[in-house]
Amino acid sequence: MLTARRGTSGARSGNPNVSCVMAHLANDEAVFEAAAAQLRQARLRGELQVREIPAPDKIAPRSLALAAGVTHGNVHPSENDGDSPYGAGRLILMHDPASAADWGGPFRLVCFAQAPLEMEIGVDPFIADVAWSWLIDALDSRGAEYSYASGTATKTLSTGFGTLESQGDAAQIEIRASWTPQGGDFGAHAEAWGELLCLLAGLPHHEGVASLGAKRAQRGTRA
């Protein structure tokens, strides 16, 4: 004989606790969609080809991912993966109010950007520091408020041998970073990410972000 579980009929008829939970979830979804809309509408530089891609599974209850590749002349990023030999990146927005204590807020942004370097720049011992400063400068110049920023800037030098000997020497810079966006302007964070990717690819900088040459001059002056 089946016994009805206590509270089932109450839940279906509008149990206050269930109603509160449903309202809270609906509010969380609305907050995320508003932030996602700002990312989708961000004004990114014309040298970038940007598209929305599936976000990694199970990283957060709600997430959005963008992919970007640097265009150059008639060369455009692949339609399949959005990558470009001149530079490519990803930006992921995660929303999880339950992680606010660890993140410092209900949202977290994860950024990836990489681009090839000329060997003259690749051997610069300070290029990783400069690349990281580009990210911070891009965020600051756009008024993108943030906290709990962390990440790595990795410079890679390689030399081809054997059947790859014709490739010669090569250099690449890669940034992996994350931060907690504050305030309500999520588009500014996407624009800063796009600016970082263009700078890594060697494109002329926009106002407010110093070029690599300027950074070298500043170090020479301090020395």
Protein backbone atom coordinates (compact mmCIF):
# COMPACT_ATOMS: atom_id res chain seq x y z
CA MET A 1 0.00 0.00 0.00
CA LEU A 2 1.41 3.41 -1.04
CA THR A 3 1.44 6.20 1.51
CA ALA A 4 1.27 9.80 0.37
CA ARG A 5 4.36 11.79 1.45
CA ARG A 6 3.58 14.62 3.81
CA GLY A 7 3.69 18.03 2.20
CA THR A 8 3.28 16.91 -1.41
CA SER A 9 -0.14 18.44 -1.87
CA GLY A 10 0.99 21.58 -0.07
CA ALA A 11 3.94 21.99 -2.44
CA ARG A 12 1.71 21.66 -5.47
CA SER A 13 -0.79 24.14 -4.11
CA GLY A 14 1.84 26.80 -3.55
CA ASN A 15 3.98 25.95 -0.54
CA PRO A 16 5.63 29.26 0.48
CA ASN A 17 9.09 27.70 0.72
CA VAL A 18 8.87 26.22 -2.77
CA SER A 19 7.56 29.51 -4.14
CA CYS A 20 10.49 31.38 -2.62
CA VAL A 21 12.99 28.94 -4.11
CA MET A 22 11.41 29.17 -7.56
CA ALA A 23 11.36 32.97 -7.39
CA HIS A 24 15.01 33.02 -6.33
CA LEU A 25 16.03 30.74 -9.22
CA ALA A 26 14.09 32.85 -11.68
CA ASN A 27 15.81 35.98 -10.38
CA ASP A 28 19.25 34.35 -10.70
CA GLU A 29 18.45 33.40 -14.29
CA ALA A 30 17.34 36.96 -15.08
CA VAL A 31 20.53 38.42 -13.56
CA PHE A 32 22.69 36.07 -15.62
CA GLU A 33 20.80 36.76 -18.86
CA ALA A 34 21.22 40.50 -18.37
CA ALA A 35 24.98 40.08 -17.92
CA ALA A 36 25.21 37.70 -20.88
CA ALA A 37 23.36 40.18 -23.07
CA GLN A 38 25.96 42.85 -22.26
CA LEU A 39 28.78 40.51 -23.30
CA ARG A 40 27.03 39.68 -26.57
CA GLN A 41 26.52 43.40 -27.31
CA ALA A 42 30.06 44.50 -26.38
CA ARG A 43 31.84 46.68 -28.94
CA LEU A 44 34.87 44.60 -29.87
CA ARG A 45 37.57 45.74 -32.26
CA GLY A 46 36.95 45.26 -35.98
CA GLU A 47 40.09 43.13 -36.36
CA LEU A 48 38.41 40.37 -34.34
CA GLN A 49 36.00 37.74 -35.59
CA VAL A 50 33.91 36.78 -32.56
CA ARG A 51 31.29 34.10 -32.08
CA GLU A 52 29.49 32.38 -29.22
CA ILE A 53 30.54 28.81 -28.52
CA PRO A 54 29.31 26.14 -26.10
CA ALA A 55 30.66 26.74 -22.59
CA PRO A 56 32.56 23.91 -20.87
CA ASP A 57 30.27 21.48 -19.09
CA LYS A 58 29.62 21.62 -15.35
CA ILE A 59 31.80 24.65 -14.60
CA ALA A 60 28.87 26.65 -13.18
CA PRO A 61 25.06 26.52 -13.10
CA ARG A 62 24.99 29.23 -15.79
CA SER A 63 27.76 30.14 -18.22
CA LEU A 64 28.46 31.80 -21.56
CA ALA A 65 31.55 31.42 -23.76
CA LEU A 66 32.88 33.60 -26.58
CA ALA A 67 35.67 32.74 -29.03
CA ALA A 68 37.65 35.28 -31.03
CA GLY A 69 40.28 35.12 -33.74
CA VAL A 70 42.40 37.90 -35.22
CA THR A 71 41.79 38.65 -38.89
CA HIS A 72 44.62 39.74 -41.16
CA GLY A 73 44.01 40.82 -44.74
CA ASN A 74 42.05 38.07 -46.43
CA VAL A 75 42.90 35.56 -43.70
CA HIS A 76 39.98 34.93 -41.36
CA PRO A 77 39.65 32.55 -38.42
CA SER A 78 38.39 29.06 -39.13
CA GLU A 79 34.60 28.79 -39.16
CA ASN A 80 34.90 25.54 -37.20
CA ASP A 81 36.90 26.61 -34.16
CA GLY A 82 37.37 30.37 -34.51
CA ASP A 83 41.15 30.07 -34.18
CA SER A 84 43.57 32.18 -36.19
CA PRO A 85 47.33 31.87 -36.80
CA TYR A 86 47.60 35.55 -35.83
CA GLY A 87 46.00 35.18 -32.40
CA ALA A 88 42.98 33.62 -30.74
CA GLY A 89 41.20 33.65 -27.42
CA ARG A 90 38.26 32.60 -25.29
CA LEU A 91 36.20 34.44 -22.69
CA ILE A 92 33.90 32.53 -20.34
CA LEU A 93 31.35 34.13 -18.02
CA MET A 94 30.31 31.94 -15.08
CA HIS A 95 27.45 32.62 -12.68
CA ASP A 96 27.09 30.76 -9.41
CA PRO A 97 25.75 32.65 -6.36
CA ALA A 98 26.77 29.69 -4.18
CA SER A 99 30.44 30.41 -5.01
CA ALA A 100 30.23 34.10 -4.13
CA ALA A 101 32.19 33.60 -0.90
CA ASP A 102 35.11 32.08 -2.83
CA TRP A 103 34.91 34.31 -5.89
CA GLY A 104 34.10 37.57 -4.14
CA GLY A 105 30.86 37.84 -6.11
CA PRO A 106 28.30 35.71 -7.99
CA PHE A 107 30.15 36.04 -11.33
CA ARG A 108 33.58 34.97 -12.49
CA LEU A 109 35.27 35.64 -15.83
CA VAL A 110 37.88 33.31 -17.31
CA CYS A 111 40.07 34.63 -20.09
CA PHE A 112 42.45 32.90 -22.51
CA ALA A 113 44.48 34.69 -25.17
CA GLN A 114 47.47 33.61 -27.25
CA ALA A 115 49.40 34.91 -30.24
CA PRO A 116 52.70 34.32 -32.03
CA LEU A 117 55.56 36.74 -31.38
CA GLU A 118 58.46 38.00 -33.43
CA MET A 119 61.63 36.43 -32.07
CA GLU A 120 63.04 39.85 -31.19
CA ILE A 121 60.09 40.37 -28.87
CA GLY A 122 59.91 36.74 -27.76
CA VAL A 123 63.40 36.83 -26.26
CA ASP A 124 62.61 39.94 -24.23
CA PRO A 125 62.83 38.75 -20.60
CA PHE A 126 60.05 41.15 -19.60
CA ILE A 127 57.49 40.23 -22.25
CA ALA A 128 55.39 38.13 -19.83
CA ASP A 129 55.22 41.09 -17.42
CA VAL A 130 54.24 43.40 -20.26
CA ALA A 131 51.55 41.02 -21.49
CA TRP A 132 49.97 40.81 -18.03
CA SER A 133 50.12 44.60 -17.68
CA TRP A 134 48.23 44.89 -20.98
CA LEU A 135 45.32 42.97 -19.46
CA ILE A 136 45.25 45.14 -16.34
CA ASP A 137 45.62 48.35 -18.36
CA ALA A 138 42.83 47.29 -20.74
CA LEU A 139 40.48 46.63 -17.82
CA ASP A 140 41.37 49.87 -16.06
CA SER A 141 41.15 52.04 -19.17
CA ARG A 142 37.60 50.85 -19.80
CA GLY A 143 36.47 51.30 -16.21
CA ALA A 144 35.88 47.56 -15.85
CA GLU A 145 35.73 47.05 -12.08
CA TYR A 146 37.11 43.76 -10.80
CA SER A 147 38.60 41.91 -7.84
CA TYR A 148 40.43 38.63 -7.13
CA ALA A 149 42.40 38.76 -10.40
CA SER A 150 44.79 35.87 -10.96
CA GLY A 151 46.48 34.15 -13.85
CA THR A 152 49.64 33.29 -15.74
CA ALA A 153 51.52 34.77 -18.68
CA THR A 154 53.61 32.16 -20.47
CA LYS A 155 56.25 32.79 -23.11
CA THR A 156 57.28 29.85 -25.31
CA LEU A 157 60.35 29.66 -27.55
CA SER A 158 60.78 26.78 -29.97
CA THR A 159 63.19 25.59 -32.66
CA GLY A 160 62.24 23.15 -35.41
CA PHE A 161 64.35 20.06 -36.13
CA GLY A 162 64.22 17.23 -38.64
CA THR A 163 61.21 17.56 -40.92
CA LEU A 164 60.22 20.70 -38.99
CA GLU A 165 63.61 22.37 -39.47
CA SER A 166 62.18 24.63 -42.17
CA GLN A 167 59.94 26.24 -39.56
CA GLY A 168 62.98 27.73 -37.86
CA ASP A 169 62.67 29.52 -34.54
CA ALA A 170 59.28 30.60 -33.20
CA ALA A 171 57.89 32.38 -30.16
CA GLN A 172 54.44 32.57 -28.61
CA ILE A 173 52.79 34.35 -25.71
CA GLU A 174 49.80 32.96 -23.83
CA ILE A 175 47.71 34.45 -21.04
CA ARG A 176 45.29 32.54 -18.85
CA ALA A 177 43.50 34.71 -16.32
CA SER A 178 40.37 34.99 -14.24
CA TRP A 179 38.78 37.75 -12.21
CA THR A 180 35.53 38.66 -10.49
CA PRO A 181 33.64 41.43 -12.29
CA GLN A 182 32.19 44.13 -10.08
CA GLY A 183 29.64 46.79 -10.97
CA GLY A 184 27.15 46.38 -13.79
CA ASP A 185 29.15 46.95 -16.99
CA PHE A 186 29.99 43.46 -18.24
CA GLY A 187 30.55 44.70 -21.78
CA ALA A 188 33.64 46.61 -20.62
CA HIS A 189 35.25 43.33 -19.55
CA ALA A 190 34.66 41.77 -22.96
CA GLU A 191 36.11 44.85 -24.66
CA ALA A 192 39.21 44.66 -22.47
CA TRP A 193 39.67 40.99 -23.39
CA GLY A 194 39.37 41.87 -27.07
CA GLU A 195 41.92 44.67 -26.71
CA LEU A 196 44.34 42.30 -24.98
CA LEU A 197 44.06 39.80 -27.82
CA CYS A 198 44.73 42.48 -30.43
CA LEU A 199 47.76 43.78 -28.53
CA LEU A 200 49.23 40.30 -28.21
CA ALA A 201 48.80 39.91 -31.96
CA GLY A 202 50.86 43.06 -32.53
CA LEU A 203 48.03 45.30 -33.69
CA PRO A 204 48.13 49.05 -32.94
CA HIS A 205 46.83 49.80 -29.48
CA HIS A 206 43.80 51.89 -28.64
CA GLU A 207 44.00 54.83 -26.30
CA GLY A 208 44.86 54.13 -22.68
CA VAL A 209 47.01 51.04 -23.27
CA ALA A 210 50.76 51.47 -23.64
CA SER A 211 52.55 49.72 -26.49
CA LEU A 212 55.46 47.34 -26.00
CA GLY A 213 57.84 50.07 -27.18
CA ALA A 214 56.48 52.47 -24.56
CA LYS A 215 56.90 49.85 -21.86
CA ARG A 216 60.54 49.33 -22.86
CA ALA A 217 61.12 53.11 -22.81
CA GLN A 218 59.61 53.34 -19.32
CA ARG A 219 61.98 50.63 -18.05
CA GLY A 220 64.94 52.39 -19.64
CA THR A 221 63.99 55.67 -17.98
CA ARG A 222 63.68 54.06 -14.55
CA ALA A 223 67.02 52.35 -15.02
